[in-house]
Amino acid sequence: MLRWALYYLRHASLHGDICRFGRGIGRAGVMVLRVRLAADQPLSEVRIGTAGDGSTEFTDATGHARLRLAAQAKPGSRIALRIVDPPHFVFISPWDGWVVAPSFDNDSGNYVRLRLS
C-alpha cells in the first residue's frame, strides 16, 4: 500500500494533479481559479491561462481551474490572465485580467474569483 501511495504522489506531482489523500496537499506555484458568469453561475469548459509563463487550463463543471504559475511566482505576485477559448468571453472582474496570487497553502479560501461575460 505504501509503495502505491508513493508511486501515486510522484506521478501526481509530475502531472500537476492535486493529491486526494485526506485533506490533500497544497502545491507551490498552483493557483486555483473560480470562474463564474455575472449571474453567479459556474462556467465550465472555458480555457483560461496566464499571459506570461504558466499553463492554460479548462474549467471543470463547477467552474474551477488550477493554473501552474511561473517558477518565480510567489504569493502576492501580480499575474496577468487571458481567456483562450471561447474568445467571445470578456473579463468583468477583474476588468483588466490582473490578479494577485493567493497563498499556496492548502486552504479552501485560497482561490481567485473571476467574473466573465
Foldseek 3Di string as FASTA:
>chain_A
DVVVVVVCVVVCVVVVHWDDDDLTFQDPQKAKEAEAAPVRQADFQWWKAFPDDWDIDTAHNRNMDIIGHPPPAAQQDKTAMDTDPPPVKAWPVVRRRIDGQHHSGSDPPRHHYTYID
